[in-house]
Amino acid sequence: LCSSYERGPTNVQSMTLLIYPAGEQAAVIIEIQRSVGREEIVLADDDPSKVGTSVLDAPIVGAFEEVLRETGDCEVIVSYGTSAIDRLEMVSRVEDTSAEFAQAVSSDAVVSPSATVGAGVVVNANVTIGPRAVLDAHVMVDSHTSVSHDASIGRATVVTPNVTICGGVSVGEACYLGPGAILSEGVHVADRVTVGAGAVVLDDVEPETTVVGVPARPIR
């Protein structure tokens, strides 16, 4: 589910936010949400050793299904960004429940009003999203990244810091774009592709391929 992006006040205080899992990106999402006045935040993690601890004073209260049962009506953001494939699997777990998805878009990001931003999307600080760009549901865009005009990024793709996505680029579902990668204008990156750190993609990339180097070449 996607809609044109509008920055502004929402009724974020009306529901508890559940962040899953309680990894490094959870802290980023907590700070983004608190910056817009949201304080009812809990975390879930399937690692029993984390339960009873906290992230930035937000409590980790149990495994995902357990927390969802006890919390009732809530919104969920999947915070995992180490692997796009694993992120997609976690998203699918949440989709099997009745929970709704929230967005976390930093106030320090610049998002064009004509861009389209899907449910569950995370956009960190110092990101630029250009006109008519599309971020499909559950995309995660890390800091200092540029997504130029008319680019599209598929569901649950992870974009790490300092990536440049030029105009008209299309990126498929569950891709992982490594730090500092550059995707040149108009290229198509198919589903479940990994682009290595610092790679420069000049040509289309086939599904389930890993590309590295300058220019980027497949290694498997």
N, C-alpha and C. Protein backbone atom coordinates (compact mmCIF):
# COMPACT_ATOMS: atom_id res chain seq x y z
N LEU A 1 0.84 -1.19 0.00
CA LEU A 1 0.00 0.00 0.00
C LEU A 1 0.88 1.23 0.00
N CYS A 2 0.68 2.10 -0.96
CA CYS A 2 1.50 3.29 -1.09
C CYS A 2 0.60 4.51 -1.23
N SER A 3 1.13 5.66 -0.87
CA SER A 3 0.42 6.91 -1.06
C SER A 3 1.43 8.02 -1.25
N SER A 4 0.99 9.11 -1.88
CA SER A 4 1.88 10.26 -2.00
C SER A 4 2.27 10.73 -0.62
N TYR A 5 3.52 11.15 -0.50
CA TYR A 5 4.04 11.46 0.83
C TYR A 5 3.62 12.86 1.26
N GLU A 6 3.12 12.96 2.50
CA GLU A 6 2.80 14.24 3.09
C GLU A 6 3.40 14.27 4.48
N ARG A 7 4.27 15.25 4.74
CA ARG A 7 4.81 15.40 6.09
C ARG A 7 3.87 16.28 6.90
N GLY A 8 3.56 15.83 8.10
CA GLY A 8 2.67 16.64 8.92
C GLY A 8 2.20 15.85 10.11
N PRO A 9 1.44 16.49 11.01
CA PRO A 9 0.98 15.81 12.22
C PRO A 9 0.01 14.70 11.89
N THR A 10 0.09 13.60 12.67
CA THR A 10 -0.86 12.49 12.53
C THR A 10 -1.34 12.12 13.91
N ASN A 11 -2.18 11.11 13.99
CA ASN A 11 -2.68 10.65 15.29
C ASN A 11 -1.77 9.57 15.85
N VAL A 12 -0.44 9.78 15.79
CA VAL A 12 0.50 8.75 16.18
C VAL A 12 0.38 8.37 17.65
N GLN A 13 -0.17 9.24 18.47
CA GLN A 13 -0.26 8.92 19.88
C GLN A 13 -1.40 7.95 20.18
N SER A 14 -2.25 7.65 19.21
CA SER A 14 -3.46 6.90 19.50
C SER A 14 -3.23 5.40 19.60
N MET A 15 -2.10 4.89 19.10
CA MET A 15 -1.82 3.46 19.13
C MET A 15 -0.40 3.23 19.61
N THR A 16 -0.18 2.10 20.26
CA THR A 16 1.17 1.70 20.63
C THR A 16 1.95 1.33 19.38
N LEU A 17 3.22 1.72 19.33
CA LEU A 17 4.10 1.30 18.25
C LEU A 17 4.93 0.12 18.73
N LEU A 18 4.91 -0.97 17.95
CA LEU A 18 5.70 -2.15 18.22
C LEU A 18 6.82 -2.23 17.18
N ILE A 19 8.05 -2.19 17.64
CA ILE A 19 9.22 -2.30 16.76
C ILE A 19 9.77 -3.71 16.87
N TYR A 20 10.00 -4.34 15.74
CA TYR A 20 10.45 -5.73 15.70
C TYR A 20 11.49 -5.90 14.59
N PRO A 21 12.68 -6.47 14.89
CA PRO A 21 13.19 -6.88 16.20
C PRO A 21 13.90 -5.71 16.88
N ALA A 22 14.62 -6.02 17.98
CA ALA A 22 15.27 -4.97 18.78
C ALA A 22 16.75 -4.86 18.42
N GLY A 23 17.04 -4.68 17.14
CA GLY A 23 18.42 -4.55 16.68
C GLY A 23 18.87 -3.11 16.61
N GLU A 24 19.97 -2.88 15.87
CA GLU A 24 20.57 -1.55 15.80
C GLU A 24 19.62 -0.51 15.21
N GLN A 25 18.88 -0.88 14.17
CA GLN A 25 17.98 0.08 13.53
C GLN A 25 16.81 0.45 14.43
N ALA A 26 16.54 -0.36 15.43
CA ALA A 26 15.44 -0.04 16.35
C ALA A 26 15.68 1.30 17.03
N ALA A 27 16.92 1.58 17.42
CA ALA A 27 17.23 2.85 18.07
C ALA A 27 16.96 4.03 17.14
N VAL A 28 17.29 3.87 15.87
CA VAL A 28 17.03 4.93 14.89
C VAL A 28 15.53 5.21 14.78
N ILE A 29 14.75 4.14 14.70
CA ILE A 29 13.30 4.29 14.56
C ILE A 29 12.70 4.92 15.81
N ILE A 30 13.18 4.54 16.98
CA ILE A 30 12.68 5.14 18.22
C ILE A 30 12.90 6.65 18.20
N GLU A 31 14.09 7.09 17.82
CA GLU A 31 14.37 8.53 17.82
C GLU A 31 13.52 9.27 16.78
N ILE A 32 13.31 8.65 15.62
CA ILE A 32 12.45 9.27 14.61
C ILE A 32 11.03 9.43 15.15
N GLN A 33 10.51 8.39 15.78
CA GLN A 33 9.13 8.44 16.27
C GLN A 33 8.98 9.41 17.44
N ARG A 34 9.95 9.45 18.33
CA ARG A 34 9.86 10.40 19.44
C ARG A 34 9.93 11.84 18.96
N SER A 35 10.60 12.07 17.85
CA SER A 35 10.71 13.43 17.33
C SER A 35 9.37 13.98 16.86
N VAL A 36 8.40 13.08 16.59
CA VAL A 36 7.06 13.54 16.20
C VAL A 36 6.06 13.33 17.33
N GLY A 37 6.58 13.10 18.54
CA GLY A 37 5.72 13.06 19.70
C GLY A 37 5.20 11.71 20.11
N ARG A 38 5.70 10.66 19.52
CA ARG A 38 5.21 9.33 19.87
C ARG A 38 6.02 8.77 21.02
N GLU A 39 5.35 8.39 22.09
CA GLU A 39 6.04 7.88 23.28
C GLU A 39 5.65 6.44 23.63
N GLU A 40 4.49 5.99 23.16
CA GLU A 40 4.05 4.63 23.49
C GLU A 40 4.74 3.65 22.54
N ILE A 41 5.95 3.24 22.91
CA ILE A 41 6.78 2.40 22.05
C ILE A 41 7.25 1.20 22.85
N VAL A 42 7.06 0.01 22.31
CA VAL A 42 7.62 -1.21 22.89
C VAL A 42 8.34 -1.98 21.78
N LEU A 43 9.20 -2.90 22.19
CA LEU A 43 9.95 -3.70 21.24
C LEU A 43 9.71 -5.18 21.49
N ALA A 44 9.82 -5.94 20.40
CA ALA A 44 9.74 -7.39 20.49
C ALA A 44 11.00 -7.99 19.88
N ASP A 45 11.45 -9.09 20.46
CA ASP A 45 12.60 -9.80 19.90
C ASP A 45 12.48 -11.26 20.28
N ASP A 46 12.84 -12.13 19.34
CA ASP A 46 12.71 -13.57 19.57
C ASP A 46 13.90 -14.16 20.32
N ASP A 47 14.88 -13.32 20.66
CA ASP A 47 16.02 -13.74 21.47
C ASP A 47 15.65 -13.56 22.95
N PRO A 48 15.46 -14.65 23.70
CA PRO A 48 15.02 -14.52 25.10
C PRO A 48 15.98 -13.71 25.96
N SER A 49 17.27 -13.67 25.60
CA SER A 49 18.23 -12.94 26.43
C SER A 49 18.02 -11.44 26.38
N LYS A 50 17.29 -10.95 25.37
CA LYS A 50 17.05 -9.51 25.27
C LYS A 50 15.80 -9.06 26.04
N VAL A 51 14.92 -10.00 26.32
CA VAL A 51 13.66 -9.65 26.98
C VAL A 51 13.96 -9.16 28.39
N GLY A 52 13.33 -8.04 28.75
CA GLY A 52 13.56 -7.41 30.03
C GLY A 52 14.60 -6.31 29.99
N THR A 53 15.30 -6.17 28.86
CA THR A 53 16.22 -5.05 28.67
C THR A 53 15.50 -3.96 27.88
N SER A 54 16.23 -2.98 27.41
CA SER A 54 15.59 -1.87 26.69
C SER A 54 16.52 -1.31 25.64
N VAL A 55 15.96 -0.53 24.73
CA VAL A 55 16.70 0.24 23.73
C VAL A 55 16.26 1.69 23.89
N LEU A 56 17.17 2.57 24.29
CA LEU A 56 16.84 3.97 24.53
C LEU A 56 15.61 4.10 25.44
N ASP A 57 15.59 3.28 26.48
CA ASP A 57 14.53 3.27 27.49
C ASP A 57 13.20 2.74 26.99
N ALA A 58 13.14 2.25 25.76
CA ALA A 58 11.93 1.57 25.30
C ALA A 58 12.08 0.08 25.61
N PRO A 59 11.13 -0.51 26.33
CA PRO A 59 11.32 -1.87 26.83
C PRO A 59 11.17 -2.95 25.75
N ILE A 60 12.01 -3.99 25.87
CA ILE A 60 11.86 -5.19 25.06
C ILE A 60 11.04 -6.16 25.91
N VAL A 61 9.81 -6.42 25.48
CA VAL A 61 8.86 -7.06 26.39
C VAL A 61 8.56 -8.52 26.06
N GLY A 62 9.10 -9.05 24.97
CA GLY A 62 8.87 -10.47 24.69
C GLY A 62 9.07 -10.80 23.23
N ALA A 63 8.76 -12.05 22.89
CA ALA A 63 8.80 -12.49 21.50
C ALA A 63 7.65 -11.87 20.72
N PHE A 64 7.77 -11.83 19.41
CA PHE A 64 6.84 -11.06 18.59
C PHE A 64 5.39 -11.47 18.79
N GLU A 65 5.06 -12.75 18.62
CA GLU A 65 3.66 -13.16 18.71
C GLU A 65 3.10 -12.90 20.11
N GLU A 66 3.92 -13.13 21.13
CA GLU A 66 3.49 -12.90 22.51
C GLU A 66 3.16 -11.43 22.74
N VAL A 67 4.04 -10.55 22.28
CA VAL A 67 3.82 -9.12 22.49
C VAL A 67 2.59 -8.64 21.72
N LEU A 68 2.42 -9.14 20.52
CA LEU A 68 1.27 -8.72 19.73
C LEU A 68 -0.03 -9.13 20.40
N ARG A 69 -0.08 -10.31 21.00
CA ARG A 69 -1.29 -10.74 21.71
C ARG A 69 -1.58 -9.84 22.90
N GLU A 70 -0.55 -9.49 23.64
CA GLU A 70 -0.75 -8.71 24.86
C GLU A 70 -1.02 -7.23 24.58
N THR A 71 -0.46 -6.72 23.48
CA THR A 71 -0.58 -5.30 23.18
C THR A 71 -1.93 -4.96 22.55
N GLY A 72 -2.48 -5.90 21.79
CA GLY A 72 -3.75 -5.63 21.11
C GLY A 72 -3.54 -4.73 19.91
N ASP A 73 -4.40 -3.72 19.76
CA ASP A 73 -4.27 -2.82 18.62
C ASP A 73 -2.95 -2.08 18.68
N CYS A 74 -2.16 -2.19 17.63
CA CYS A 74 -0.88 -1.49 17.59
C CYS A 74 -0.45 -1.35 16.14
N GLU A 75 0.54 -0.51 15.94
CA GLU A 75 1.20 -0.40 14.65
C GLU A 75 2.59 -1.01 14.77
N VAL A 76 3.08 -1.58 13.68
CA VAL A 76 4.35 -2.30 13.68
C VAL A 76 5.28 -1.71 12.64
N ILE A 77 6.56 -1.62 13.01
CA ILE A 77 7.62 -1.34 12.04
C ILE A 77 8.66 -2.44 12.18
N VAL A 78 9.01 -3.06 11.07
CA VAL A 78 10.09 -4.05 11.05
C VAL A 78 11.40 -3.29 10.91
N SER A 79 12.28 -3.48 11.89
CA SER A 79 13.50 -2.68 11.96
C SER A 79 14.73 -3.39 11.42
N TYR A 80 14.60 -4.64 11.01
CA TYR A 80 15.76 -5.42 10.59
C TYR A 80 16.27 -4.96 9.24
N GLY A 81 17.61 -4.72 9.14
CA GLY A 81 18.16 -4.25 7.87
C GLY A 81 19.44 -4.92 7.46
N THR A 82 19.85 -5.99 8.14
CA THR A 82 21.11 -6.65 7.81
C THR A 82 20.99 -7.49 6.55
N SER A 83 19.84 -8.07 6.31
CA SER A 83 19.58 -8.89 5.12
C SER A 83 18.19 -8.56 4.61
N ALA A 84 18.09 -8.24 3.31
CA ALA A 84 16.78 -7.93 2.74
C ALA A 84 15.89 -9.15 2.69
N ILE A 85 16.48 -10.34 2.47
CA ILE A 85 15.69 -11.56 2.43
C ILE A 85 15.07 -11.81 3.81
N ASP A 86 15.88 -11.69 4.87
CA ASP A 86 15.35 -11.88 6.22
C ASP A 86 14.33 -10.80 6.56
N ARG A 87 14.57 -9.57 6.10
CA ARG A 87 13.60 -8.49 6.33
C ARG A 87 12.25 -8.85 5.71
N LEU A 88 12.28 -9.36 4.49
CA LEU A 88 11.04 -9.73 3.81
C LEU A 88 10.32 -10.84 4.57
N GLU A 89 11.06 -11.80 5.11
CA GLU A 89 10.44 -12.87 5.88
C GLU A 89 9.77 -12.33 7.15
N MET A 90 10.43 -11.38 7.81
CA MET A 90 9.84 -10.78 9.01
C MET A 90 8.59 -9.99 8.66
N VAL A 91 8.63 -9.26 7.56
CA VAL A 91 7.44 -8.53 7.10
C VAL A 91 6.29 -9.50 6.87
N SER A 92 6.58 -10.64 6.24
CA SER A 92 5.53 -11.63 5.97
C SER A 92 4.92 -12.16 7.25
N ARG A 93 5.75 -12.32 8.30
CA ARG A 93 5.23 -12.76 9.60
C ARG A 93 4.21 -11.76 10.14
N VAL A 94 4.55 -10.47 10.04
CA VAL A 94 3.64 -9.45 10.55
C VAL A 94 2.38 -9.40 9.70
N GLU A 95 2.52 -9.56 8.40
CA GLU A 95 1.36 -9.50 7.51
C GLU A 95 0.36 -10.62 7.79
N ASP A 96 0.82 -11.71 8.41
CA ASP A 96 -0.07 -12.81 8.75
C ASP A 96 -0.93 -12.50 9.98
N THR A 97 -0.69 -11.34 10.60
CA THR A 97 -1.47 -10.92 11.76
C THR A 97 -2.42 -9.79 11.35
N SER A 98 -3.14 -9.26 12.33
CA SER A 98 -4.06 -8.15 12.04
C SER A 98 -3.42 -6.78 12.27
N ALA A 99 -2.12 -6.76 12.56
CA ALA A 99 -1.45 -5.49 12.88
C ALA A 99 -1.36 -4.59 11.65
N GLU A 100 -1.37 -3.29 11.91
CA GLU A 100 -1.15 -2.30 10.87
C GLU A 100 0.34 -1.91 10.87
N PHE A 101 0.77 -1.32 9.77
CA PHE A 101 2.15 -0.89 9.66
C PHE A 101 2.25 0.63 9.75
N ALA A 102 3.28 1.09 10.45
CA ALA A 102 3.59 2.52 10.51
C ALA A 102 4.79 2.82 9.62
N GLN A 103 5.01 4.10 9.38
CA GLN A 103 6.22 4.58 8.69
C GLN A 103 7.12 5.27 9.71
N ALA A 104 8.40 5.35 9.38
CA ALA A 104 9.34 6.15 10.17
C ALA A 104 10.19 6.94 9.20
N VAL A 105 9.84 8.22 9.02
CA VAL A 105 10.56 9.08 8.08
C VAL A 105 11.17 10.23 8.87
N SER A 106 12.49 10.31 8.89
CA SER A 106 13.17 11.33 9.67
C SER A 106 12.80 12.73 9.22
N SER A 107 12.68 13.63 10.20
CA SER A 107 12.42 15.04 9.87
C SER A 107 13.63 15.68 9.18
N ASP A 108 14.78 15.02 9.25
CA ASP A 108 15.97 15.51 8.56
C ASP A 108 16.11 14.95 7.15
N ALA A 109 15.14 14.18 6.69
CA ALA A 109 15.10 13.71 5.30
C ALA A 109 14.32 14.71 4.46
N VAL A 110 14.67 14.81 3.18
CA VAL A 110 13.95 15.66 2.24
C VAL A 110 13.19 14.74 1.29
N VAL A 111 11.87 14.74 1.41
CA VAL A 111 11.03 13.85 0.61
C VAL A 111 10.11 14.72 -0.26
N SER A 112 10.22 14.54 -1.57
CA SER A 112 9.37 15.31 -2.48
C SER A 112 7.90 15.03 -2.20
N PRO A 113 7.06 16.07 -2.26
CA PRO A 113 5.62 15.85 -2.07
C PRO A 113 5.00 14.98 -3.15
N SER A 114 5.67 14.82 -4.29
CA SER A 114 5.14 13.94 -5.34
C SER A 114 5.72 12.53 -5.26
N ALA A 115 6.58 12.27 -4.28
CA ALA A 115 7.08 10.91 -4.08
C ALA A 115 5.99 10.04 -3.46
N THR A 116 6.12 8.75 -3.64
CA THR A 116 5.17 7.78 -3.10
C THR A 116 5.90 6.90 -2.09
N VAL A 117 5.34 6.82 -0.88
CA VAL A 117 6.01 6.13 0.22
C VAL A 117 5.06 5.08 0.80
N GLY A 118 5.50 3.83 0.82
CA GLY A 118 4.64 2.74 1.22
C GLY A 118 4.58 2.51 2.72
N ALA A 119 3.68 1.63 3.12
CA ALA A 119 3.54 1.25 4.53
C ALA A 119 4.83 0.60 5.02
N GLY A 120 5.18 0.89 6.27
CA GLY A 120 6.34 0.25 6.87
C GLY A 120 7.68 0.77 6.42
N VAL A 121 7.71 1.81 5.61
CA VAL A 121 8.97 2.35 5.09
C VAL A 121 9.72 3.08 6.20
N VAL A 122 11.05 2.92 6.19
CA VAL A 122 11.94 3.63 7.11
C VAL A 122 12.89 4.48 6.28
N VAL A 123 12.94 5.79 6.58
CA VAL A 123 13.84 6.72 5.90
C VAL A 123 14.63 7.46 6.97
N ASN A 124 15.93 7.26 6.99
CA ASN A 124 16.78 7.85 8.02
C ASN A 124 17.17 9.28 7.68
N ALA A 125 17.94 9.91 8.56
CA ALA A 125 18.33 11.31 8.39
C ALA A 125 19.20 11.53 7.16
N ASN A 126 19.11 12.74 6.63
CA ASN A 126 19.97 13.18 5.52
C ASN A 126 19.80 12.33 4.26
N VAL A 127 18.58 11.93 4.02
CA VAL A 127 18.20 11.23 2.80
C VAL A 127 17.41 12.20 1.93
N THR A 128 17.59 12.09 0.61
CA THR A 128 16.81 12.88 -0.34
C THR A 128 16.02 11.94 -1.24
N ILE A 129 14.71 12.14 -1.29
CA ILE A 129 13.83 11.36 -2.16
C ILE A 129 13.23 12.33 -3.18
N GLY A 130 13.53 12.11 -4.44
CA GLY A 130 13.18 13.07 -5.49
C GLY A 130 11.76 12.94 -6.01
N PRO A 131 11.39 13.87 -6.92
CA PRO A 131 10.04 13.90 -7.47
C PRO A 131 9.66 12.59 -8.15
N ARG A 132 8.44 12.16 -7.89
CA ARG A 132 7.82 10.97 -8.50
C ARG A 132 8.58 9.68 -8.19
N ALA A 133 9.49 9.71 -7.25
CA ALA A 133 10.14 8.47 -6.80
C ALA A 133 9.12 7.62 -6.05
N VAL A 134 9.32 6.31 -6.06
CA VAL A 134 8.42 5.38 -5.40
C VAL A 134 9.22 4.48 -4.46
N LEU A 135 8.87 4.50 -3.18
CA LEU A 135 9.40 3.54 -2.22
C LEU A 135 8.28 2.59 -1.86
N ASP A 136 8.38 1.36 -2.31
CA ASP A 136 7.33 0.38 -2.04
C ASP A 136 7.34 0.01 -0.56
N ALA A 137 6.35 -0.76 -0.14
CA ALA A 137 6.19 -1.08 1.27
C ALA A 137 7.45 -1.71 1.86
N HIS A 138 7.80 -1.26 3.07
CA HIS A 138 8.86 -1.84 3.90
C HIS A 138 10.28 -1.62 3.38
N VAL A 139 10.44 -0.71 2.46
CA VAL A 139 11.78 -0.30 2.05
C VAL A 139 12.47 0.39 3.23
N MET A 140 13.76 0.15 3.38
CA MET A 140 14.56 0.83 4.40
C MET A 140 15.68 1.60 3.69
N VAL A 141 15.73 2.92 3.94
CA VAL A 141 16.73 3.77 3.31
C VAL A 141 17.58 4.40 4.40
N ASP A 142 18.87 4.07 4.41
CA ASP A 142 19.75 4.56 5.46
C ASP A 142 20.32 5.93 5.10
N SER A 143 21.08 6.50 6.02
CA SER A 143 21.48 7.92 5.97
C SER A 143 22.34 8.27 4.75
N HIS A 144 22.24 9.56 4.37
CA HIS A 144 23.09 10.14 3.33
C HIS A 144 22.92 9.44 1.98
N THR A 145 21.70 9.02 1.70
CA THR A 145 21.38 8.37 0.43
C THR A 145 20.53 9.30 -0.42
N SER A 146 20.72 9.22 -1.74
CA SER A 146 19.93 10.01 -2.68
C SER A 146 19.16 9.08 -3.60
N VAL A 147 17.83 9.25 -3.62
CA VAL A 147 16.97 8.54 -4.55
C VAL A 147 16.40 9.59 -5.49
N SER A 148 16.83 9.58 -6.72
CA SER A 148 16.51 10.68 -7.64
C SER A 148 15.11 10.52 -8.25
N HIS A 149 14.77 11.47 -9.10
CA HIS A 149 13.44 11.54 -9.71
C HIS A 149 13.09 10.26 -10.46
N ASP A 150 11.85 9.85 -10.33
CA ASP A 150 11.27 8.74 -11.10
C ASP A 150 11.93 7.39 -10.83
N ALA A 151 12.73 7.30 -9.80
CA ALA A 151 13.28 6.00 -9.41
C ALA A 151 12.24 5.22 -8.61
N SER A 152 12.34 3.90 -8.64
CA SER A 152 11.43 3.07 -7.86
C SER A 152 12.22 1.98 -7.16
N ILE A 153 11.84 1.73 -5.90
CA ILE A 153 12.53 0.74 -5.08
C ILE A 153 11.50 -0.26 -4.58
N GLY A 154 11.75 -1.55 -4.82
CA GLY A 154 10.77 -2.58 -4.54
C GLY A 154 10.68 -2.98 -3.08
N ARG A 155 9.66 -3.71 -2.78
CA ARG A 155 9.25 -4.10 -1.43
C ARG A 155 10.40 -4.72 -0.63
N ALA A 156 10.58 -4.20 0.58
CA ALA A 156 11.53 -4.74 1.57
C ALA A 156 12.99 -4.63 1.17
N THR A 157 13.29 -3.83 0.16
CA THR A 157 14.69 -3.61 -0.21
C THR A 157 15.38 -2.76 0.84
N VAL A 158 16.66 -3.07 1.08
CA VAL A 158 17.47 -2.35 2.05
C VAL A 158 18.51 -1.52 1.30
N VAL A 159 18.48 -0.21 1.55
CA VAL A 159 19.43 0.72 0.93
C VAL A 159 20.32 1.26 2.04
N THR A 160 21.58 0.93 2.03
CA THR A 160 22.49 1.27 3.12
C THR A 160 23.06 2.68 2.91
N PRO A 161 23.90 3.18 3.83
CA PRO A 161 24.32 4.59 3.75
C PRO A 161 25.09 4.95 2.48
N ASN A 162 24.91 6.22 2.07
CA ASN A 162 25.69 6.85 1.00
C ASN A 162 25.48 6.22 -0.37
N VAL A 163 24.31 5.63 -0.58
CA VAL A 163 23.98 5.08 -1.90
C VAL A 163 23.40 6.19 -2.78
N THR A 164 23.73 6.15 -4.07
CA THR A 164 23.16 7.08 -5.04
C THR A 164 22.34 6.29 -6.05
N ILE A 165 21.05 6.59 -6.12
CA ILE A 165 20.14 5.94 -7.07
C ILE A 165 19.69 7.03 -8.04
N CYS A 166 20.16 6.95 -9.26
CA CYS A 166 19.93 8.02 -10.23
C CYS A 166 18.52 7.95 -10.82
N GLY A 167 18.20 8.95 -11.60
CA GLY A 167 16.85 9.09 -12.15
C GLY A 167 16.43 7.90 -12.99
N GLY A 168 15.18 7.47 -12.80
CA GLY A 168 14.61 6.42 -13.63
C GLY A 168 15.06 5.01 -13.31
N VAL A 169 15.86 4.83 -12.28
CA VAL A 169 16.31 3.50 -11.89
C VAL A 169 15.14 2.72 -11.29
N SER A 170 15.09 1.43 -11.56
CA SER A 170 14.11 0.57 -10.89
C SER A 170 14.85 -0.55 -10.18
N VAL A 171 14.50 -0.74 -8.91
CA VAL A 171 15.11 -1.76 -8.07
C VAL A 171 14.01 -2.69 -7.62
N GLY A 172 14.24 -3.99 -7.72
CA GLY A 172 13.20 -4.96 -7.41
C GLY A 172 13.01 -5.22 -5.93
N GLU A 173 12.32 -6.31 -5.63
CA GLU A 173 11.96 -6.70 -4.27
C GLU A 173 13.15 -7.35 -3.56
N ALA A 174 13.28 -7.03 -2.27
CA ALA A 174 14.24 -7.70 -1.38
C ALA A 174 15.68 -7.64 -1.91
N CYS A 175 16.06 -6.48 -2.41
CA CYS A 175 17.44 -6.26 -2.81
C CYS A 175 18.23 -5.64 -1.66
N TYR A 176 19.54 -5.76 -1.73
CA TYR A 176 20.42 -5.16 -0.73
C TYR A 176 21.47 -4.34 -1.48
N LEU A 177 21.46 -3.02 -1.25
CA LEU A 177 22.38 -2.11 -1.91
C LEU A 177 23.43 -1.69 -0.90
N GLY A 178 24.68 -2.12 -1.11
CA GLY A 178 25.74 -1.90 -0.15
C GLY A 178 26.18 -0.46 -0.06
N PRO A 179 26.90 -0.11 1.01
CA PRO A 179 27.29 1.29 1.25
C PRO A 179 28.07 1.88 0.07
N GLY A 180 27.67 3.09 -0.32
CA GLY A 180 28.39 3.82 -1.35
C GLY A 180 28.14 3.36 -2.76
N ALA A 181 27.22 2.43 -2.97
CA ALA A 181 26.92 1.97 -4.33
C ALA A 181 26.27 3.08 -5.14
N ILE A 182 26.50 3.03 -6.45
CA ILE A 182 25.90 3.99 -7.38
C ILE A 182 25.15 3.21 -8.46
N LEU A 183 23.88 3.53 -8.64
CA LEU A 183 23.07 2.93 -9.69
C LEU A 183 22.82 4.00 -10.74
N SER A 184 23.40 3.81 -11.92
CA SER A 184 23.37 4.84 -12.96
C SER A 184 21.98 4.95 -13.59
N GLU A 185 21.76 6.07 -14.21
CA GLU A 185 20.44 6.45 -14.70
C GLU A 185 19.81 5.37 -15.56
N GLY A 186 18.57 5.01 -15.20
CA GLY A 186 17.76 4.14 -16.03
C GLY A 186 18.00 2.66 -15.89
N VAL A 187 18.96 2.22 -15.08
CA VAL A 187 19.22 0.78 -15.00
C VAL A 187 18.09 0.08 -14.24
N HIS A 188 17.93 -1.22 -14.54
CA HIS A 188 16.94 -2.05 -13.85
C HIS A 188 17.66 -3.12 -13.06
N VAL A 189 17.39 -3.16 -11.75
CA VAL A 189 17.95 -4.17 -10.87
C VAL A 189 16.80 -5.08 -10.47
N ALA A 190 16.89 -6.36 -10.82
CA ALA A 190 15.79 -7.30 -10.60
C ALA A 190 15.69 -7.71 -9.13
N ASP A 191 14.76 -8.61 -8.81
CA ASP A 191 14.49 -9.02 -7.44
C ASP A 191 15.68 -9.75 -6.81
N ARG A 192 15.84 -9.54 -5.50
CA ARG A 192 16.78 -10.30 -4.68
C ARG A 192 18.22 -10.21 -5.18
N VAL A 193 18.59 -9.01 -5.56
CA VAL A 193 19.96 -8.72 -6.00
C VAL A 193 20.74 -8.10 -4.85
N THR A 194 22.02 -8.45 -4.75
CA THR A 194 22.93 -7.79 -3.82
C THR A 194 23.93 -6.98 -4.62
N VAL A 195 24.04 -5.69 -4.29
CA VAL A 195 25.02 -4.81 -4.92
C VAL A 195 26.09 -4.51 -3.87
N GLY A 196 27.33 -4.84 -4.17
CA GLY A 196 28.40 -4.70 -3.21
C GLY A 196 28.74 -3.26 -2.89
N ALA A 197 29.41 -3.06 -1.77
CA ALA A 197 29.82 -1.72 -1.35
C ALA A 197 30.68 -1.06 -2.41
N GLY A 198 30.34 0.19 -2.74
CA GLY A 198 31.13 0.97 -3.69
C GLY A 198 30.96 0.57 -5.15
N ALA A 199 30.10 -0.39 -5.45
CA ALA A 199 29.91 -0.82 -6.83
C ALA A 199 29.22 0.28 -7.65
N VAL A 200 29.54 0.33 -8.93
CA VAL A 200 28.90 1.27 -9.85
C VAL A 200 28.16 0.45 -10.90
N VAL A 201 26.83 0.49 -10.83
CA VAL A 201 26.00 -0.33 -11.70
C VAL A 201 25.65 0.47 -12.95
N LEU A 202 26.15 0.01 -14.10
CA LEU A 202 25.93 0.70 -15.37
C LEU A 202 24.94 -0.04 -16.27
N ASP A 203 24.72 -1.32 -15.97
CA ASP A 203 23.85 -2.16 -16.80
C ASP A 203 22.81 -2.85 -15.94
N ASP A 204 21.75 -3.36 -16.57
CA ASP A 204 20.72 -4.08 -15.85
C ASP A 204 21.31 -5.31 -15.15
N VAL A 205 20.67 -5.69 -14.04
CA VAL A 205 21.15 -6.84 -13.25
C VAL A 205 20.04 -7.88 -13.17
N GLU A 206 20.41 -9.13 -13.43
CA GLU A 206 19.45 -10.24 -13.42
C GLU A 206 19.06 -10.62 -11.99
N PRO A 207 17.92 -11.32 -11.84
CA PRO A 207 17.46 -11.70 -10.49
C PRO A 207 18.48 -12.56 -9.74
N GLU A 208 18.47 -12.42 -8.41
CA GLU A 208 19.25 -13.26 -7.50
C GLU A 208 20.73 -13.29 -7.88
N THR A 209 21.25 -12.12 -8.21
CA THR A 209 22.65 -11.97 -8.61
C THR A 209 23.36 -11.07 -7.61
N THR A 210 24.63 -11.32 -7.37
CA THR A 210 25.47 -10.40 -6.60
C THR A 210 26.45 -9.73 -7.56
N VAL A 211 26.49 -8.39 -7.54
CA VAL A 211 27.42 -7.66 -8.40
C VAL A 211 28.34 -6.80 -7.55
N VAL A 212 29.59 -6.71 -7.99
CA VAL A 212 30.59 -5.92 -7.27
C VAL A 212 31.50 -5.23 -8.27
N GLY A 213 32.18 -4.18 -7.80
CA GLY A 213 33.23 -3.56 -8.60
C GLY A 213 32.79 -2.35 -9.39
N VAL A 214 33.77 -1.79 -10.11
CA VAL A 214 33.58 -0.60 -10.94
C VAL A 214 34.16 -0.89 -12.32
N PRO A 215 33.31 -1.08 -13.35
CA PRO A 215 31.85 -1.17 -13.24
C PRO A 215 31.44 -2.49 -12.59
N ALA A 216 30.22 -2.56 -12.11
CA ALA A 216 29.75 -3.75 -11.40
C ALA A 216 29.64 -4.94 -12.34
N ARG A 217 30.14 -6.09 -11.84
CA ARG A 217 30.07 -7.35 -12.59
C ARG A 217 29.55 -8.45 -11.64
N PRO A 218 28.81 -9.41 -12.20
CA PRO A 218 28.28 -10.48 -11.34
C PRO A 218 29.38 -11.43 -10.86
N ILE A 219 29.23 -11.87 -9.61
CA ILE A 219 30.16 -12.87 -9.09
C ILE A 219 29.43 -14.18 -8.84
N ARG A 220 28.08 -14.16 -8.80
CA ARG A 220 27.31 -15.41 -8.77
C ARG A 220 25.86 -15.10 -9.11
